[in-house]
Amino acid sequence: MIKSIHSACVMVSNKAQAIDWYTKKLGMQRRPESEGHWVVMGMSSGGSLHLCETEFPGSALEPGNTGILLNVDDLKATVEQLRSTGVKIATDITVEPWGTYAMIADPDGNIFWLMQLPS
Protein backbone atom coordinates (compact mmCIF):
# COMPACT_ATOMS: atom_id res chain seq x y z
CA MET A 1 0.00 0.00 0.00
CA ILE A 2 1.01 3.65 -0.04
CA LYS A 3 3.85 4.40 2.40
CA SER A 4 4.55 8.10 1.96
CA ILE A 5 4.51 11.14 -0.26
CA HIS A 6 7.92 10.99 -1.90
CA SER A 7 8.05 14.19 -3.93
CA ALA A 8 5.99 17.00 -5.39
CA CYS A 9 6.54 18.79 -8.69
CA VAL A 10 7.31 22.49 -8.94
CA MET A 11 7.23 24.13 -12.37
CA VAL A 12 10.23 26.42 -13.05
CA SER A 13 11.07 28.64 -16.00
CA ASN A 14 14.86 28.30 -15.71
CA LYS A 15 16.35 25.10 -14.32
CA ALA A 16 19.82 26.57 -13.60
CA GLN A 17 18.40 29.54 -11.70
CA ALA A 18 16.04 27.26 -9.77
CA ILE A 19 18.87 24.90 -8.76
CA ASP A 20 20.91 27.87 -7.57
CA TRP A 21 17.98 29.31 -5.56
CA TYR A 22 16.90 26.02 -3.92
CA THR A 23 20.54 25.22 -3.08
CA LYS A 24 21.67 28.59 -1.77
CA LYS A 25 18.45 29.88 -0.23
CA LEU A 26 16.83 26.69 1.10
CA GLY A 27 19.89 24.49 1.65
CA MET A 28 18.65 21.67 -0.58
CA GLN A 29 20.97 19.34 -2.47
CA ARG A 30 20.67 18.16 -6.05
CA ARG A 31 19.86 14.45 -6.09
CA PRO A 32 21.41 12.02 -8.61
CA GLU A 33 18.02 10.93 -10.05
CA SER A 34 17.80 14.20 -12.01
CA GLU A 35 17.42 13.84 -15.77
CA GLY A 36 16.70 15.98 -18.83
CA HIS A 37 14.24 18.82 -18.24
CA TRP A 38 13.76 17.95 -14.55
CA VAL A 39 15.93 17.91 -11.48
CA VAL A 40 15.28 16.51 -8.02
CA MET A 41 16.20 18.69 -5.05
CA GLY A 42 16.16 17.12 -1.61
CA MET A 43 16.62 17.83 2.05
CA SER A 44 18.98 15.79 4.21
CA SER A 45 15.98 14.99 6.42
CA GLY A 46 14.14 13.36 3.49
CA GLY A 47 11.51 14.32 0.96
CA SER A 48 12.14 16.16 -2.26
CA LEU A 49 10.90 18.62 -4.83
CA HIS A 50 10.91 17.61 -8.46
CA LEU A 51 11.73 20.78 -10.44
CA CYS A 52 10.32 20.63 -13.99
CA GLU A 53 11.58 23.21 -16.44
CA THR A 54 8.83 24.49 -18.72
CA GLU A 55 9.28 25.58 -22.28
CA PHE A 56 7.12 28.65 -21.73
CA PRO A 57 6.87 30.87 -18.61
CA GLY A 58 3.65 30.20 -16.74
CA SER A 59 3.26 26.72 -18.22
CA ALA A 60 1.72 24.08 -16.02
CA LEU A 61 1.79 20.32 -15.80
CA GLU A 62 -0.38 18.35 -18.16
CA PRO A 63 -4.07 18.77 -17.23
CA GLY A 64 -4.82 16.72 -14.12
CA ASN A 65 -1.17 15.83 -13.37
CA THR A 66 -0.46 16.86 -9.78
CA GLY A 67 3.22 15.95 -10.01
CA ILE A 68 2.87 14.23 -6.62
CA LEU A 69 4.71 10.90 -6.32
CA LEU A 70 3.46 8.37 -3.78
CA ASN A 71 5.93 5.74 -2.57
CA VAL A 72 4.40 2.25 -2.31
CA ASP A 73 5.55 -1.06 -0.75
CA ASP A 74 4.80 -3.21 -3.82
CA LEU A 75 3.77 -1.48 -7.06
CA LYS A 76 2.05 -4.45 -8.68
CA ALA A 77 0.14 -5.43 -5.52
CA THR A 78 -0.86 -1.82 -4.82
CA VAL A 79 -2.19 -1.31 -8.36
CA GLU A 80 -4.17 -4.57 -8.13
CA GLN A 81 -5.55 -3.65 -4.70
CA LEU A 82 -6.52 -0.12 -5.77
CA ARG A 83 -8.12 -1.41 -8.98
CA SER A 84 -10.17 -3.92 -6.95
CA THR A 85 -11.58 -1.08 -4.83
CA GLY A 86 -12.62 0.92 -7.90
CA VAL A 87 -9.74 3.37 -8.10
CA LYS A 88 -9.22 4.52 -11.68
CA ILE A 89 -5.80 3.45 -12.98
CA ALA A 90 -4.94 6.32 -15.32
CA THR A 91 -1.70 4.71 -16.52
CA ASP A 92 -1.02 1.04 -15.89
CA ILE A 93 2.41 -0.13 -14.75
CA THR A 94 4.95 1.38 -17.13
CA VAL A 95 8.69 0.69 -17.29
CA GLU A 96 10.99 3.56 -18.26
CA PRO A 97 14.81 3.79 -18.10
CA TRP A 98 14.45 6.06 -15.03
CA GLY A 99 11.92 3.90 -13.15
CA THR A 100 8.72 1.89 -13.09
CA TYR A 101 5.47 3.63 -12.23
CA ALA A 102 1.70 3.66 -12.49
CA MET A 103 -0.73 6.57 -12.21
CA ILE A 104 -4.09 6.79 -10.47
CA ALA A 105 -6.87 9.37 -10.76
CA ASP A 106 -9.10 10.68 -8.01
CA PRO A 107 -12.80 11.42 -8.66
CA ASP A 108 -11.93 14.93 -9.88
CA GLY A 109 -9.34 13.67 -12.39
CA ASN A 110 -6.28 14.64 -10.35
CA ILE A 111 -3.45 12.30 -11.30
CA PHE A 112 -0.99 10.85 -8.75
CA TRP A 113 2.15 8.84 -9.53
CA LEU A 114 2.81 5.51 -7.76
CA MET A 115 6.38 4.17 -7.56
CA GLN A 116 8.10 1.47 -5.56
CA LEU A 117 11.30 3.20 -4.51
CA PRO A 118 14.45 1.44 -3.30
CA SER A 119 14.68 1.15 0.47
C-alpha atoms as a PDB file:
ATOM      1  CA  MET A   1       0.000   0.000   0.000  1.00  0.00           C
ATOM      2  CA  ILE A   2       1.008   3.649  -0.045  1.00  0.00           C
ATOM      3  CA  LYS A   3       3.851   4.401   2.404  1.00  0.00           C
ATOM      4  CA  SER A   4       4.548   8.100   1.962  1.00  0.00           C
ATOM      5  CA  ILE A   5       4.511  11.136  -0.264  1.00  0.00           C
ATOM      6  CA  HIS A   6       7.923  10.985  -1.898  1.00  0.00           C
ATOM      7  CA  SER A   7       8.054  14.185  -3.934  1.00  0.00           C
ATOM      8  CA  ALA A   8       5.990  16.998  -5.385  1.00  0.00           C
ATOM      9  CA  CYS A   9       6.537  18.791  -8.686  1.00  0.00           C
ATOM     10  CA  VAL A  10       7.314  22.494  -8.938  1.00  0.00           C
ATOM     11  CA  MET A  11       7.231  24.125 -12.370  1.00  0.00           C
ATOM     12  CA  VAL A  12      10.227  26.416 -13.046  1.00  0.00           C
ATOM     13  CA  SER A  13      11.073  28.642 -16.000  1.00  0.00           C
ATOM     14  CA  ASN A  14      14.858  28.303 -15.706  1.00  0.00           C
ATOM     15  CA  LYS A  15      16.351  25.103 -14.319  1.00  0.00           C
ATOM     16  CA  ALA A  16      19.817  26.566 -13.602  1.00  0.00           C
ATOM     17  CA  GLN A  17      18.396  29.539 -11.695  1.00  0.00           C
ATOM     18  CA  ALA A  18      16.039  27.261  -9.765  1.00  0.00           C
ATOM     19  CA  ILE A  19      18.867  24.903  -8.758  1.00  0.00           C
ATOM     20  CA  ASP A  20      20.905  27.870  -7.574  1.00  0.00           C
ATOM     21  CA  TRP A  21      17.979  29.307  -5.560  1.00  0.00           C
ATOM     22  CA  TYR A  22      16.901  26.021  -3.919  1.00  0.00           C
ATOM     23  CA  THR A  23      20.540  25.219  -3.083  1.00  0.00           C
ATOM     24  CA  LYS A  24      21.672  28.590  -1.768  1.00  0.00           C
ATOM     25  CA  LYS A  25      18.449  29.882  -0.232  1.00  0.00           C
ATOM     26  CA  LEU A  26      16.830  26.694   1.102  1.00  0.00           C
ATOM     27  CA  GLY A  27      19.889  24.490   1.654  1.00  0.00           C
ATOM     28  CA  MET A  28      18.654  21.674  -0.578  1.00  0.00           C
ATOM     29  CA  GLN A  29      20.967  19.340  -2.467  1.00  0.00           C
ATOM     30  CA  ARG A  30      20.670  18.156  -6.050  1.00  0.00           C
ATOM     31  CA  ARG A  31      19.860  14.451  -6.095  1.00  0.00           C
ATOM     32  CA  PRO A  32      21.406  12.025  -8.615  1.00  0.00           C
ATOM     33  CA  GLU A  33      18.021  10.929 -10.048  1.00  0.00           C
ATOM     34  CA  SER A  34      17.801  14.203 -12.013  1.00  0.00           C
ATOM     35  CA  GLU A  35      17.420  13.836 -15.766  1.00  0.00           C
ATOM     36  CA  GLY A  36      16.695  15.984 -18.828  1.00  0.00           C
ATOM     37  CA  HIS A  37      14.238  18.820 -18.240  1.00  0.00           C
ATOM     38  CA  TRP A  38      13.758  17.951 -14.552  1.00  0.00           C
ATOM     39  CA  VAL A  39      15.932  17.907 -11.477  1.00  0.00           C
ATOM     40  CA  VAL A  40      15.283  16.509  -8.015  1.00  0.00           C
ATOM     41  CA  MET A  41      16.203  18.693  -5.054  1.00  0.00           C
ATOM     42  CA  GLY A  42      16.161  17.116  -1.614  1.00  0.00           C
ATOM     43  CA  MET A  43      16.615  17.835   2.047  1.00  0.00           C
ATOM     44  CA  SER A  44      18.977  15.794   4.205  1.00  0.00           C
ATOM     45  CA  SER A  45      15.984  14.989   6.422  1.00  0.00           C
ATOM     46  CA  GLY A  46      14.142  13.355   3.494  1.00  0.00           C
ATOM     47  CA  GLY A  47      11.514  14.322   0.961  1.00  0.00           C
ATOM     48  CA  SER A  48      12.145  16.156  -2.264  1.00  0.00           C
ATOM     49  CA  LEU A  49      10.905  18.622  -4.829  1.00  0.00           C
ATOM     50  CA  HIS A  50      10.912  17.611  -8.463  1.00  0.00           C
ATOM     51  CA  LEU A  51      11.726  20.784 -10.436  1.00  0.00           C
ATOM     52  CA  CYS A  52      10.325  20.632 -13.987  1.00  0.00           C
ATOM     53  CA  GLU A  53      11.579  23.205 -16.438  1.00  0.00           C
ATOM     54  CA  THR A  54       8.835  24.487 -18.721  1.00  0.00           C
ATOM     55  CA  GLU A  55       9.283  25.582 -22.283  1.00  0.00           C
ATOM     56  CA  PHE A  56       7.125  28.655 -21.727  1.00  0.00           C
ATOM     57  CA  PRO A  57       6.870  30.865 -18.610  1.00  0.00           C
ATOM     58  CA  GLY A  58       3.654  30.204 -16.741  1.00  0.00           C
ATOM     59  CA  SER A  59       3.260  26.718 -18.222  1.00  0.00           C
ATOM     60  CA  ALA A  60       1.716  24.083 -16.015  1.00  0.00           C
ATOM     61  CA  LEU A  61       1.793  20.325 -15.800  1.00  0.00           C
ATOM     62  CA  GLU A  62      -0.380  18.350 -18.157  1.00  0.00           C
ATOM     63  CA  PRO A  63      -4.068  18.768 -17.232  1.00  0.00           C
ATOM     64  CA  GLY A  64      -4.816  16.720 -14.123  1.00  0.00           C
ATOM     65  CA  ASN A  65      -1.175  15.833 -13.372  1.00  0.00           C
ATOM     66  CA  THR A  66      -0.461  16.864  -9.780  1.00  0.00           C
ATOM     67  CA  GLY A  67       3.222  15.950 -10.006  1.00  0.00           C
ATOM     68  CA  ILE A  68       2.871  14.226  -6.618  1.00  0.00           C
ATOM     69  CA  LEU A  69       4.710  10.904  -6.322  1.00  0.00           C
ATOM     70  CA  LEU A  70       3.464   8.373  -3.776  1.00  0.00           C
ATOM     71  CA  ASN A  71       5.930   5.740  -2.565  1.00  0.00           C
ATOM     72  CA  VAL A  72       4.403   2.246  -2.313  1.00  0.00           C
ATOM     73  CA  ASP A  73       5.545  -1.056  -0.754  1.00  0.00           C
ATOM     74  CA  ASP A  74       4.805  -3.205  -3.820  1.00  0.00           C
ATOM     75  CA  LEU A  75       3.772  -1.480  -7.061  1.00  0.00           C
ATOM     76  CA  LYS A  76       2.046  -4.455  -8.678  1.00  0.00           C
ATOM     77  CA  ALA A  77       0.136  -5.431  -5.516  1.00  0.00           C
ATOM     78  CA  THR A  78      -0.860  -1.821  -4.825  1.00  0.00           C
ATOM     79  CA  VAL A  79      -2.190  -1.305  -8.361  1.00  0.00           C
ATOM     80  CA  GLU A  80      -4.171  -4.566  -8.134  1.00  0.00           C
ATOM     81  CA  GLN A  81      -5.553  -3.654  -4.702  1.00  0.00           C
ATOM     82  CA  LEU A  82      -6.522  -0.118  -5.771  1.00  0.00           C
ATOM     83  CA  ARG A  83      -8.116  -1.407  -8.982  1.00  0.00           C
ATOM     84  CA  SER A  84     -10.172  -3.919  -6.949  1.00  0.00           C
ATOM     85  CA  THR A  85     -11.577  -1.076  -4.830  1.00  0.00           C
ATOM     86  CA  GLY A  86     -12.624   0.915  -7.904  1.00  0.00           C
ATOM     87  CA  VAL A  87      -9.739   3.373  -8.100  1.00  0.00           C
ATOM     88  CA  LYS A  88      -9.216   4.521 -11.685  1.00  0.00           C
ATOM     89  CA  ILE A  89      -5.798   3.446 -12.977  1.00  0.00           C
ATOM     90  CA  ALA A  90      -4.943   6.316 -15.322  1.00  0.00           C
ATOM     91  CA  THR A  91      -1.698   4.705 -16.521  1.00  0.00           C
ATOM     92  CA  ASP A  92      -1.016   1.041 -15.891  1.00  0.00           C
ATOM     93  CA  ILE A  93       2.413  -0.130 -14.751  1.00  0.00           C
ATOM     94  CA  THR A  94       4.951   1.376 -17.132  1.00  0.00           C
ATOM     95  CA  VAL A  95       8.688   0.691 -17.289  1.00  0.00           C
ATOM     96  CA  GLU A  96      10.991   3.557 -18.264  1.00  0.00           C
ATOM     97  CA  PRO A  97      14.806   3.790 -18.098  1.00  0.00           C
ATOM     98  CA  TRP A  98      14.453   6.064 -15.034  1.00  0.00           C
ATOM     99  CA  GLY A  99      11.924   3.904 -13.146  1.00  0.00           C
ATOM    100  CA  THR A 100       8.717   1.886 -13.092  1.00  0.00           C
ATOM    101  CA  TYR A 101       5.472   3.634 -12.226  1.00  0.00           C
ATOM    102  CA  ALA A 102       1.699   3.665 -12.493  1.00  0.00           C
ATOM    103  CA  MET A 103      -0.727   6.566 -12.210  1.00  0.00           C
ATOM    104  CA  ILE A 104      -4.089   6.791 -10.474  1.00  0.00           C
ATOM    105  CA  ALA A 105      -6.873   9.371 -10.758  1.00  0.00           C
ATOM    106  CA  ASP A 106      -9.098  10.677  -8.007  1.00  0.00           C
ATOM    107  CA  PRO A 107     -12.796  11.419  -8.659  1.00  0.00           C
ATOM    108  CA  ASP A 108     -11.931  14.932  -9.883  1.00  0.00           C
ATOM    109  CA  GLY A 109      -9.343  13.669 -12.391  1.00  0.00           C
ATOM    110  CA  ASN A 110      -6.280  14.637 -10.347  1.00  0.00           C
ATOM    111  CA  ILE A 111      -3.447  12.295 -11.296  1.00  0.00           C
ATOM    112  CA  PHE A 112      -0.990  10.849  -8.745  1.00  0.00           C
ATOM    113  CA  TRP A 113       2.150   8.843  -9.527  1.00  0.00           C
ATOM    114  CA  LEU A 114       2.814   5.513  -7.764  1.00  0.00           C
ATOM    115  CA  MET A 115       6.378   4.167  -7.561  1.00  0.00           C
ATOM    116  CA  GLN A 116       8.102   1.471  -5.558  1.00  0.00           C
ATOM    117  CA  LEU A 117      11.298   3.195  -4.512  1.00  0.00           C
ATOM    118  CA  PRO A 118      14.446   1.439  -3.303  1.00  0.00           C
ATOM    119  CA  SER A 119      14.680   1.153   0.467  1.00  0.00           C
END
